[in-house]
């Protein structure tokens, strides 16, 4: 009985902390500066992979205050490409360098 209470409390705490970490990560990725960084990485990755055949224009134009930005489909493609490339880069580095540990 006591063990079940402790296990339930620990499970609840882990879920809350995990959810908080996911919320912070998503908020950070889609913040203004991080989104610009990942968009830029994605633009460059797409340009390199297509050997310069497909170039996505920069989205660094400022939007006037009070006006919402209207991202195009290519902007979302560049953002998600940048995020996935960055994750893959760190996974590859981690797996590659863990061999030497």
PDB file of N, CA and C in Angstrom:
ATOM      1  N   UNK A   1       0.823  -1.184   0.000  1.00  0.00           N
ATOM      2  CA  UNK A   1       0.000   0.000   0.000  1.00  0.00           C
ATOM      3  C   UNK A   1       0.874   1.257   0.000  1.00  0.00           C
ATOM      4  N   UNK A   2       1.808   1.317   0.923  1.00  0.00           N
ATOM      5  CA  UNK A   2       2.712   2.470   0.989  1.00  0.00           C
ATOM      6  C   UNK A   2       3.591   2.506  -0.247  1.00  0.00           C
ATOM      7  N   UNK A   3       4.042   1.344  -0.706  1.00  0.00           N
ATOM      8  CA  UNK A   3       4.883   1.289  -1.905  1.00  0.00           C
ATOM      9  C   UNK A   3       4.132   1.803  -3.126  1.00  0.00           C
ATOM     10  N   UNK A   4       2.838   1.487  -3.220  1.00  0.00           N
ATOM     11  CA  UNK A   4       2.042   1.962  -4.352  1.00  0.00           C
ATOM     12  C   UNK A   4       1.910   3.483  -4.347  1.00  0.00           C
ATOM     13  N   UNK A   5       1.763   4.062  -3.179  1.00  0.00           N
ATOM     14  CA  UNK A   5       1.643   5.512  -3.075  1.00  0.00           C
ATOM     15  C   UNK A   5       2.943   6.185  -3.522  1.00  0.00           C
ATOM     16  N   UNK A   6       4.062   5.634  -3.067  1.00  0.00           N
ATOM     17  CA  UNK A   6       5.363   6.202  -3.452  1.00  0.00           C
ATOM     18  C   UNK A   6       5.596   6.048  -4.956  1.00  0.00           C
ATOM     19  N   UNK A   7       5.239   4.900  -5.509  1.00  0.00           N
ATOM     20  CA  UNK A   7       5.423   4.679  -6.946  1.00  0.00           C
ATOM     21  C   UNK A   7       4.518   5.609  -7.755  1.00  0.00           C
ATOM     22  N   UNK A   8       3.275   5.784  -7.308  1.00  0.00           N
ATOM     23  CA  UNK A   8       2.360   6.693  -8.011  1.00  0.00           C
ATOM     24  C   UNK A   8       2.856   8.135  -7.942  1.00  0.00           C
ATOM     25  N   UNK A   9       3.352   8.525  -6.775  1.00  0.00           N
ATOM     26  CA  UNK A   9       3.873   9.895  -6.614  1.00  0.00           C
ATOM     27  C   UNK A   9       5.100  10.107  -7.499  1.00  0.00           C
ATOM     28  N   UNK A  10       5.981   9.115  -7.557  1.00  0.00           N
ATOM     29  CA  UNK A  10       7.177   9.229  -8.398  1.00  0.00           C
ATOM     30  C   UNK A  10       6.789   9.279  -9.875  1.00  0.00           C
ATOM     31  N   UNK A  11       5.825   8.455 -10.272  1.00  0.00           N
ATOM     32  CA  UNK A  11       5.361   8.468 -11.658  1.00  0.00           C
ATOM     33  C   UNK A  11       4.748   9.805 -12.032  1.00  0.00           C
ATOM     34  N   UNK A  12       3.952  10.371 -11.118  1.00  0.00           N
ATOM     35  CA  UNK A  12       3.348  11.678 -11.350  1.00  0.00           C
ATOM     36  C   UNK A  12       4.418  12.753 -11.500  1.00  0.00           C
ATOM     37  N   UNK A  13       5.405  12.705 -10.634  1.00  0.00           N
ATOM     38  CA  UNK A  13       6.482  13.701 -10.675  1.00  0.00           C
ATOM     39  C   UNK A  13       7.273  13.599 -11.984  1.00  0.00           C
ATOM     40  N   UNK A  14       7.555  12.383 -12.407  1.00  0.00           N
ATOM     41  CA  UNK A  14       8.307  12.194 -13.654  1.00  0.00           C
ATOM     42  C   UNK A  14       7.504  12.713 -14.842  1.00  0.00           C
ATOM     43  N   UNK A  15       6.190  12.438 -14.871  1.00  0.00           N
ATOM     44  CA  UNK A  15       5.353  12.929 -15.971  1.00  0.00           C
ATOM     45  C   UNK A  15       5.292  14.447 -15.989  1.00  0.00           C
ATOM     46  N   UNK A  16       5.198  15.064 -14.814  1.00  0.00           N
ATOM     47  CA  UNK A  16       5.133  16.527 -14.757  1.00  0.00           C
ATOM     48  C   UNK A  16       6.447  17.167 -15.207  1.00  0.00           C
ATOM     49  N   UNK A  17       7.549  16.632 -14.729  1.00  0.00           N
ATOM     50  CA  UNK A  17       8.864  17.169 -15.111  1.00  0.00           C
ATOM     51  C   UNK A  17       9.111  16.940 -16.597  1.00  0.00           C
ATOM     52  N   UNK A  18       8.756  15.766 -17.098  1.00  0.00           N
ATOM     53  CA  UNK A  18       8.926  15.476 -18.522  1.00  0.00           C
ATOM     54  C   UNK A  18       8.081  16.390 -19.390  1.00  0.00           C
ATOM     55  N   UNK A  19       6.840  16.610 -18.996  1.00  0.00           N
ATOM     56  CA  UNK A  19       5.969  17.523 -19.738  1.00  0.00           C
ATOM     57  C   UNK A  19       6.488  18.942 -19.728  1.00  0.00           C
ATOM     58  N   UNK A  20       7.018  19.361 -18.590  1.00  0.00           N
ATOM     59  CA  UNK A  20       7.583  20.707 -18.476  1.00  0.00           C
ATOM     60  C   UNK A  20       8.795  20.849 -19.387  1.00  0.00           C
ATOM     61  N   UNK A  21       9.636  19.820 -19.436  1.00  0.00           N
ATOM     62  CA  UNK A  21      10.824  19.863 -20.301  1.00  0.00           C
ATOM     63  C   UNK A  21      10.417  19.937 -21.776  1.00  0.00           C
ATOM     64  N   UNK A  22       9.393  19.188 -22.154  1.00  0.00           N
ATOM     65  CA  UNK A  22       8.922  19.226 -23.538  1.00  0.00           C
ATOM     66  C   UNK A  22       8.352  20.608 -23.868  1.00  0.00           C
ATOM     67  N   UNK A  23       7.573  21.172 -22.945  1.00  0.00           N
ATOM     68  CA  UNK A  23       7.013  22.515 -23.167  1.00  0.00           C
ATOM     69  C   UNK A  23       8.104  23.554 -23.332  1.00  0.00           C
ATOM     70  N   UNK A  24       9.127  23.495 -22.481  1.00  0.00           N
ATOM     71  CA  UNK A  24      10.225  24.452 -22.598  1.00  0.00           C
ATOM     72  C   UNK A  24      10.980  24.287 -23.913  1.00  0.00           C
ATOM     73  N   UNK A  25      11.184  23.034 -24.323  1.00  0.00           N
ATOM     74  CA  UNK A  25      11.904  22.767 -25.569  1.00  0.00           C
ATOM     75  C   UNK A  25      11.131  23.316 -26.762  1.00  0.00           C
ATOM     76  N   UNK A  26       9.833  23.046 -26.805  1.00  0.00           N
ATOM     77  CA  UNK A  26       9.016  23.529 -27.922  1.00  0.00           C
ATOM     78  C   UNK A  26       8.979  25.053 -27.922  1.00  0.00           C
ATOM     79  N   UNK A  27       8.821  25.664 -26.745  1.00  0.00           N
ATOM     80  CA  UNK A  27       8.823  27.125 -26.677  1.00  0.00           C
ATOM     81  C   UNK A  27      10.152  27.703 -27.142  1.00  0.00           C
ATOM     82  N   UNK A  28      11.249  27.045 -26.799  1.00  0.00           N
ATOM     83  CA  UNK A  28      12.569  27.545 -27.197  1.00  0.00           C
ATOM     84  C   UNK A  28      12.790  27.388 -28.695  1.00  0.00           C
ATOM     85  N   UNK A  29      12.392  26.243 -29.250  1.00  0.00           N
ATOM     86  CA  UNK A  29      12.593  26.014 -30.685  1.00  0.00           C
ATOM     87  C   UNK A  29      11.799  27.013 -31.502  1.00  0.00           C
ATOM     88  N   UNK A  30      10.578  27.309 -31.066  1.00  0.00           N
ATOM     89  CA  UNK A  30       9.746  28.205 -31.851  1.00  0.00           C
ATOM     90  C   UNK A  30       9.803  29.648 -31.360  1.00  0.00           C
ATOM     91  N   UNK A  31      10.803  29.966 -30.545  1.00  0.00           N
ATOM     92  CA  UNK A  31      10.995  31.363 -30.193  1.00  0.00           C
ATOM     93  C   UNK A  31      11.588  32.080 -31.407  1.00  0.00           C
ATOM     94  N   UNK A  32      11.638  33.372 -31.348  1.00  0.00           N
ATOM     95  CA  UNK A  32      12.047  34.154 -32.510  1.00  0.00           C
ATOM     96  C   UNK A  32      13.465  33.851 -32.969  1.00  0.00           C
ATOM     97  N   UNK A  33      14.411  33.867 -32.061  1.00  0.00           N
ATOM     98  CA  UNK A  33      15.811  33.708 -32.450  1.00  0.00           C
ATOM     99  C   UNK A  33      16.138  32.269 -32.811  1.00  0.00           C
ATOM    100  N   UNK A  34      15.621  31.316 -32.064  1.00  0.00           N
ATOM    101  CA  UNK A  34      15.903  29.914 -32.373  1.00  0.00           C
ATOM    102  C   UNK A  34      15.275  29.513 -33.698  1.00  0.00           C
ATOM    103  N   UNK A  35      14.064  29.988 -33.957  1.00  0.00           N
ATOM    104  CA  UNK A  35      13.418  29.666 -35.230  1.00  0.00           C
ATOM    105  C   UNK A  35      14.225  30.225 -36.402  1.00  0.00           C
ATOM    106  N   UNK A  36      14.770  31.421 -36.244  1.00  0.00           N
ATOM    107  CA  UNK A  36      15.615  31.987 -37.298  1.00  0.00           C
ATOM    108  C   UNK A  36      16.868  31.153 -37.514  1.00  0.00           C
ATOM    109  N   UNK A  37      17.446  30.675 -36.406  1.00  0.00           N
ATOM    110  CA  UNK A  37      18.650  29.851 -36.507  1.00  0.00           C
ATOM    111  C   UNK A  37      18.345  28.554 -37.262  1.00  0.00           C
ATOM    112  N   UNK A  38      17.294  27.833 -36.832  1.00  0.00           N
ATOM    113  CA  UNK A  38      16.962  26.563 -37.475  1.00  0.00           C
ATOM    114  C   UNK A  38      16.503  26.773 -38.919  1.00  0.00           C
ATOM    115  N   UNK A  39      15.837  27.858 -39.202  1.00  0.00           N
ATOM    116  CA  UNK A  39      15.423  28.162 -40.569  1.00  0.00           C
ATOM    117  C   UNK A  39      16.657  28.374 -41.446  1.00  0.00           C
ATOM    118  N   UNK A  40      17.636  29.088 -40.918  1.00  0.00           N
ATOM    119  CA  UNK A  40      18.871  29.301 -41.670  1.00  0.00           C
ATOM    120  C   UNK A  40      19.630  28.013 -41.915  1.00  0.00           C
ATOM    121  N   UNK A  41      19.676  27.153 -40.906  1.00  0.00           N
ATOM    122  CA  UNK A  41      20.342  25.853 -41.074  1.00  0.00           C
ATOM    123  C   UNK A  41      19.607  25.045 -42.138  1.00  0.00           C
ATOM    124  N   UNK A  42      18.294  25.019 -42.060  1.00  0.00           N
ATOM    125  CA  UNK A  42      17.497  24.274 -43.036  1.00  0.00           C
ATOM    126  C   UNK A  42      17.671  24.791 -44.451  1.00  0.00           C
ATOM    127  N   UNK A  43      17.717  26.116 -44.612  1.00  0.00           N
ATOM    128  CA  UNK A  43      17.933  26.712 -45.936  1.00  0.00           C
ATOM    129  C   UNK A  43      19.246  26.241 -46.527  1.00  0.00           C
ATOM    130  N   UNK A  44      20.281  26.242 -45.698  1.00  0.00           N
ATOM    131  CA  UNK A  44      21.608  25.852 -46.196  1.00  0.00           C
ATOM    132  C   UNK A  44      21.682  24.354 -46.490  1.00  0.00           C
ATOM    133  N   UNK A  45      21.043  23.545 -45.650  1.00  0.00           N
ATOM    134  CA  UNK A  45      21.039  22.091 -45.894  1.00  0.00           C
ATOM    135  C   UNK A  45      20.320  21.784 -47.206  1.00  0.00           C
ATOM    136  N   UNK A  46      19.173  22.414 -47.419  1.00  0.00           N
ATOM    137  CA  UNK A  46      18.423  22.184 -48.662  1.00  0.00           C
ATOM    138  C   UNK A  46      19.243  22.633 -49.866  1.00  0.00           C
ATOM    139  N   UNK A  47      19.929  23.763 -49.759  1.00  0.00           N
ATOM    140  CA  UNK A  47      20.758  24.243 -50.871  1.00  0.00           C
ATOM    141  C   UNK A  47      21.905  23.281 -51.155  1.00  0.00           C
ATOM    142  N   UNK A  48      22.523  22.727 -50.117  1.00  0.00           N
ATOM    143  CA  UNK A  48      23.644  21.796 -50.318  1.00  0.00           C
ATOM    144  C   UNK A  48      23.155  20.476 -50.889  1.00  0.00           C
ATOM    145  N   UNK A  49      22.055  19.957 -50.355  1.00  0.00           N
ATOM    146  CA  UNK A  49      21.546  18.663 -50.818  1.00  0.00           C
ATOM    147  C   UNK A  49      21.114  18.737 -52.282  1.00  0.00           C
ATOM    148  N   UNK A  50      20.511  19.839 -52.683  1.00  0.00           N
ATOM    149  CA  UNK A  50      20.067  19.975 -54.069  1.00  0.00           C
ATOM    150  C   UNK A  50      21.139  20.598 -54.967  1.00  0.00           C
ATOM    151  N   UNK A  51      22.349  20.727 -54.438  1.00  0.00           N
ATOM    152  CA  UNK A  51      23.478  21.313 -55.171  1.00  0.00           C
ATOM    153  C   UNK A  51      23.145  22.698 -55.709  1.00  0.00           C
ATOM    154  N   UNK A  52      22.429  23.456 -54.914  1.00  0.00           N
ATOM    155  CA  UNK A  52      22.086  24.822 -55.283  1.00  0.00           C
ATOM    156  C   UNK A  52      20.897  24.940 -56.202  1.00  0.00           C
ATOM    157  N   UNK A  53      20.277  23.824 -56.549  1.00  0.00           N
ATOM    158  CA  UNK A  53      19.134  23.853 -57.464  1.00  0.00           C
ATOM    159  C   UNK A  53      17.888  24.448 -56.832  1.00  0.00           C
ATOM    160  N   UNK A  54      17.725  24.258 -55.557  1.00  0.00           N
ATOM    161  CA  UNK A  54      16.562  24.792 -54.839  1.00  0.00           C
ATOM    162  C   UNK A  54      17.059  25.705 -53.747  1.00  0.00           C
ATOM    163  N   UNK A  55      16.699  26.966 -53.852  1.00  0.00           N
ATOM    164  CA  UNK A  55      17.104  27.930 -52.838  1.00  0.00           C
ATOM    165  C   UNK A  55      15.867  28.540 -52.226  1.00  0.00           C
ATOM    166  N   UNK A  56      15.814  28.504 -50.901  1.00  0.00           N
ATOM    167  CA  UNK A  56      14.698  29.088 -50.171  1.00  0.00           C
ATOM    168  C   UNK A  56      15.119  30.483 -49.734  1.00  0.00           C
ATOM    169  N   UNK A  57      14.319  31.487 -50.053  1.00  0.00           N
ATOM    170  CA  UNK A  57      14.705  32.855 -49.678  1.00  0.00           C
ATOM    171  C   UNK A  57      14.724  33.052 -48.173  1.00  0.00           C
ATOM    172  N   UNK A  58      15.525  33.988 -47.751  1.00  0.00           N
ATOM    173  CA  UNK A  58      15.640  34.292 -46.332  1.00  0.00           C
ATOM    174  C   UNK A  58      14.344  34.905 -45.821  1.00  0.00           C
ATOM    175  N   UNK A  59      14.012  34.583 -44.580  1.00  0.00           N
ATOM    176  CA  UNK A  59      12.822  35.151 -43.950  1.00  0.00           C
ATOM    177  C   UNK A  59      13.221  36.090 -42.825  1.00  0.00           C
ATOM    178  N   UNK A  60      14.292  36.816 -43.004  1.00  0.00           N
ATOM    179  CA  UNK A  60      14.757  37.704 -41.951  1.00  0.00           C
ATOM    180  C   UNK A  60      14.129  39.093 -42.025  1.00  0.00           C
ATOM    181  N   UNK A  61      13.164  39.279 -42.915  1.00  0.00           N
ATOM    182  CA  UNK A  61      12.494  40.566 -42.975  1.00  0.00           C
ATOM    183  C   UNK A  61      11.697  40.752 -41.684  1.00  0.00           C
ATOM    184  N   UNK A  62      11.721  41.957 -41.160  1.00  0.00           N
ATOM    185  CA  UNK A  62      10.982  42.206 -39.925  1.00  0.00           C
ATOM    186  C   UNK A  62       9.516  42.471 -40.252  1.00  0.00           C
ATOM    187  N   UNK A  63       8.666  41.996 -39.373  1.00  0.00           N
ATOM    188  CA  UNK A  63       7.225  42.174 -39.522  1.00  0.00           C
ATOM    189  C   UNK A  63       6.833  43.334 -38.625  1.00  0.00           C
ATOM    190  N   UNK A  64       6.084  44.292 -39.140  1.00  0.00           N
ATOM    191  CA  UNK A  64       5.689  45.429 -38.300  1.00  0.00           C
ATOM    192  C   UNK A  64       4.903  44.982 -37.062  1.00  0.00           C
ATOM    193  N   UNK A  65       5.031  45.739 -36.002  1.00  0.00           N
ATOM    194  CA  UNK A  65       4.369  45.399 -34.750  1.00  0.00           C
ATOM    195  C   UNK A  65       2.853  45.378 -34.965  1.00  0.00           C
ATOM    196  N   UNK A  66       2.215  44.362 -34.435  1.00  0.00           N
ATOM    197  CA  UNK A  66       0.771  44.225 -34.554  1.00  0.00           C
ATOM    198  C   UNK A  66       0.333  43.433 -35.767  1.00  0.00           C
ATOM    199  N   UNK A  67       1.262  43.082 -36.646  1.00  0.00           N
ATOM    200  CA  UNK A  67       0.940  42.306 -37.839  1.00  0.00           C
ATOM    201  C   UNK A  67       1.502  40.902 -37.647  1.00  0.00           C
ATOM    202  N   UNK A  68       0.697  39.901 -37.940  1.00  0.00           N
ATOM    203  CA  UNK A  68       1.187  38.530 -37.773  1.00  0.00           C
ATOM    204  C   UNK A  68       1.954  38.104 -39.024  1.00  0.00           C
ATOM    205  N   UNK A  69       2.975  37.330 -38.809  1.00  0.00           N
ATOM    206  CA  UNK A  69       3.794  36.837 -39.916  1.00  0.00           C
ATOM    207  C   UNK A  69       3.018  35.792 -40.697  1.00  0.00           C
ATOM    208  N   UNK A  70       3.256  35.745 -41.975  1.00  0.00           N
ATOM    209  CA  UNK A  70       2.605  34.772 -42.852  1.00  0.00           C
ATOM    210  C   UNK A  70       3.670  33.857 -43.462  1.00  0.00           C
ATOM    211  N   UNK A  71       4.082  32.818 -42.713  1.00  0.00           N
ATOM    212  CA  UNK A  71       5.122  31.938 -43.262  1.00  0.00           C
ATOM    213  C   UNK A  71       4.588  31.114 -44.430  1.00  0.00           C
ATOM    214  N   UNK A  72       5.439  30.938 -45.423  1.00  0.00           N
ATOM    215  CA  UNK A  72       5.092  30.121 -46.577  1.00  0.00           C
ATOM    216  C   UNK A  72       5.426  28.659 -46.285  1.00  0.00           C
ATOM    217  N   UNK A  73       4.995  27.795 -47.159  1.00  0.00           N
ATOM    218  CA  UNK A  73       5.266  26.363 -46.991  1.00  0.00           C
ATOM    219  C   UNK A  73       6.767  26.090 -47.001  1.00  0.00           C
ATOM    220  N   UNK A  74       7.499  26.827 -47.815  1.00  0.00           N
ATOM    221  CA  UNK A  74       8.954  26.638 -47.883  1.00  0.00           C
ATOM    222  C   UNK A  74       9.625  27.052 -46.574  1.00  0.00           C
ATOM    223  N   UNK A  75       9.048  28.045 -45.878  1.00  0.00           N
ATOM    224  CA  UNK A  75       9.603  28.445 -44.581  1.00  0.00           C
ATOM    225  C   UNK A  75       9.469  27.314 -43.571  1.00  0.00           C
ATOM    226  N   UNK A  76       8.303  26.669 -43.557  1.00  0.00           N
ATOM    227  CA  UNK A  76       8.106  25.545 -42.638  1.00  0.00           C
ATOM    228  C   UNK A  76       9.026  24.381 -43.010  1.00  0.00           C
ATOM    229  N   UNK A  77       9.184  24.135 -44.296  1.00  0.00           N
ATOM    230  CA  UNK A  77      10.083  23.064 -44.745  1.00  0.00           C
ATOM    231  C   UNK A  77      11.511  23.333 -44.280  1.00  0.00           C
ATOM    232  N   UNK A  78      11.966  24.569 -44.435  1.00  0.00           N
ATOM    233  CA  UNK A  78      13.326  24.918 -44.012  1.00  0.00           C
ATOM    234  C   UNK A  78      13.467  24.808 -42.499  1.00  0.00           C
ATOM    235  N   UNK A  79      12.448  25.234 -41.745  1.00  0.00           N
ATOM    236  CA  UNK A  79      12.511  25.154 -40.281  1.00  0.00           C
ATOM    237  C   UNK A  79      12.614  23.708 -39.823  1.00  0.00           C
ATOM    238  N   UNK A  80      11.741  22.845 -40.312  1.00  0.00           N
ATOM    239  CA  UNK A  80      11.762  21.444 -39.878  1.00  0.00           C
ATOM    240  C   UNK A  80      12.991  20.708 -40.394  1.00  0.00           C
ATOM    241  N   UNK A  81      13.466  21.059 -41.572  1.00  0.00           N
ATOM    242  CA  UNK A  81      14.707  20.463 -42.069  1.00  0.00           C
ATOM    243  C   UNK A  81      15.870  20.843 -41.161  1.00  0.00           C
ATOM    244  N   UNK A  82      15.926  22.100 -40.749  1.00  0.00           N
ATOM    245  CA  UNK A  82      16.990  22.556 -39.848  1.00  0.00           C
ATOM    246  C   UNK A  82      16.932  21.860 -38.500  1.00  0.00           C
ATOM    247  N   UNK A  83      15.733  21.708 -37.943  1.00  0.00           N
ATOM    248  CA  UNK A  83      15.587  21.036 -36.647  1.00  0.00           C
ATOM    249  C   UNK A  83      16.011  19.575 -36.753  1.00  0.00           C
ATOM    250  N   UNK A  84      15.511  18.883 -37.769  1.00  0.00           N
ATOM    251  CA  UNK A  84      15.839  17.460 -37.921  1.00  0.00           C
ATOM    252  C   UNK A  84      17.317  17.247 -38.240  1.00  0.00           C
ATOM    253  N   UNK A  85      17.905  18.139 -39.035  1.00  0.00           N
ATOM    254  CA  UNK A  85      19.333  18.032 -39.325  1.00  0.00           C
ATOM    255  C   UNK A  85      20.156  18.224 -38.060  1.00  0.00           C
ATOM    256  N   UNK A  86      19.792  19.188 -37.234  1.00  0.00           N
ATOM    257  CA  UNK A  86      20.526  19.458 -36.006  1.00  0.00           C
ATOM    258  C   UNK A  86      20.440  18.262 -35.061  1.00  0.00           C
ATOM    259  N   UNK A  87      19.252  17.663 -34.950  1.00  0.00           N
ATOM    260  CA  UNK A  87      19.086  16.469 -34.106  1.00  0.00           C
ATOM    261  C   UNK A  87      19.936  15.324 -34.655  1.00  0.00           C
ATOM    262  N   UNK A  88      19.887  15.112 -35.966  1.00  0.00           N
ATOM    263  CA  UNK A  88      20.672  14.040 -36.580  1.00  0.00           C
ATOM    264  C   UNK A  88      22.169  14.271 -36.395  1.00  0.00           C
ATOM    265  N   UNK A  89      22.590  15.525 -36.495  1.00  0.00           N
ATOM    266  CA  UNK A  89      24.008  15.849 -36.307  1.00  0.00           C
ATOM    267  C   UNK A  89      24.475  15.493 -34.897  1.00  0.00           C
ATOM    268  N   UNK A  90      23.687  15.851 -33.895  1.00  0.00           N
ATOM    269  CA  UNK A  90      24.070  15.540 -32.522  1.00  0.00           C
ATOM    270  C   UNK A  90      23.994  14.044 -32.230  1.00  0.00           C
ATOM    271  N   UNK A  91      23.008  13.358 -32.805  1.00  0.00           N
ATOM    272  CA  UNK A  91      22.942  11.906 -32.625  1.00  0.00           C
ATOM    273  C   UNK A  91      24.150  11.226 -33.264  1.00  0.00           C
ATOM    274  N   UNK A  92      24.512  11.656 -34.474  1.00  0.00           N
ATOM    275  CA  UNK A  92      25.671  11.076 -35.133  1.00  0.00           C
ATOM    276  C   UNK A  92      26.952  11.343 -34.364  1.00  0.00           C
ATOM    277  N   UNK A  93      27.092  12.555 -33.867  1.00  0.00           N
ATOM    278  CA  UNK A  93      28.287  12.876 -33.085  1.00  0.00           C
ATOM    279  C   UNK A  93      28.313  12.077 -31.792  1.00  0.00           C
ATOM    280  N   UNK A  94      27.172  11.953 -31.143  1.00  0.00           N
ATOM    281  CA  UNK A  94      27.114  11.188 -29.898  1.00  0.00           C
ATOM    282  C   UNK A  94      27.407   9.722 -30.111  1.00  0.00           C
ATOM    283  N   UNK A  95      26.821   9.142 -31.135  1.00  0.00           N
ATOM    284  CA  UNK A  95      27.056   7.718 -31.413  1.00  0.00           C
ATOM    285  C   UNK A  95      28.490   7.495 -31.891  1.00  0.00           C
ATOM    286  N   UNK A  96      28.976   8.407 -32.712  1.00  0.00           N
ATOM    287  CA  UNK A  96      30.339   8.258 -33.246  1.00  0.00           C
ATOM    288  C   UNK A  96      31.401   8.427 -32.162  1.00  0.00           C
ATOM    289  N   UNK A  97      31.203   9.383 -31.288  1.00  0.00           N
ATOM    290  CA  UNK A  97      32.203   9.638 -30.259  1.00  0.00           C
ATOM    291  C   UNK A  97      32.075   8.700 -29.063  1.00  0.00           C
ATOM    292  N   UNK A  98      30.905   8.086 -28.877  1.00  0.00           N
ATOM    293  CA  UNK A  98      30.741   7.158 -27.745  1.00  0.00           C
ATOM    294  C   UNK A  98      31.593   5.901 -27.922  1.00  0.00           C
ATOM    295  N   UNK A  99      32.003   5.620 -29.147  1.00  0.00           N
ATOM    296  CA  UNK A  99      32.871   4.482 -29.408  1.00  0.00           C
ATOM    297  C   UNK A  99      34.190   4.629 -28.655  1.00  0.00           C
ATOM    298  N   UNK A 100      34.669   5.857 -28.530  1.00  0.00           N
ATOM    299  CA  UNK A 100      35.972   6.109 -27.915  1.00  0.00           C
ATOM    300  C   UNK A 100      35.924   6.195 -26.405  1.00  0.00           C
ATOM    301  N   UNK A 101      34.745   6.156 -25.806  1.00  0.00           N
ATOM    302  CA  UNK A 101      34.647   6.273 -24.339  1.00  0.00           C
ATOM    303  C   UNK A 101      34.840   4.963 -23.645  1.00  0.00           C
TER     304      UNK A 101
END
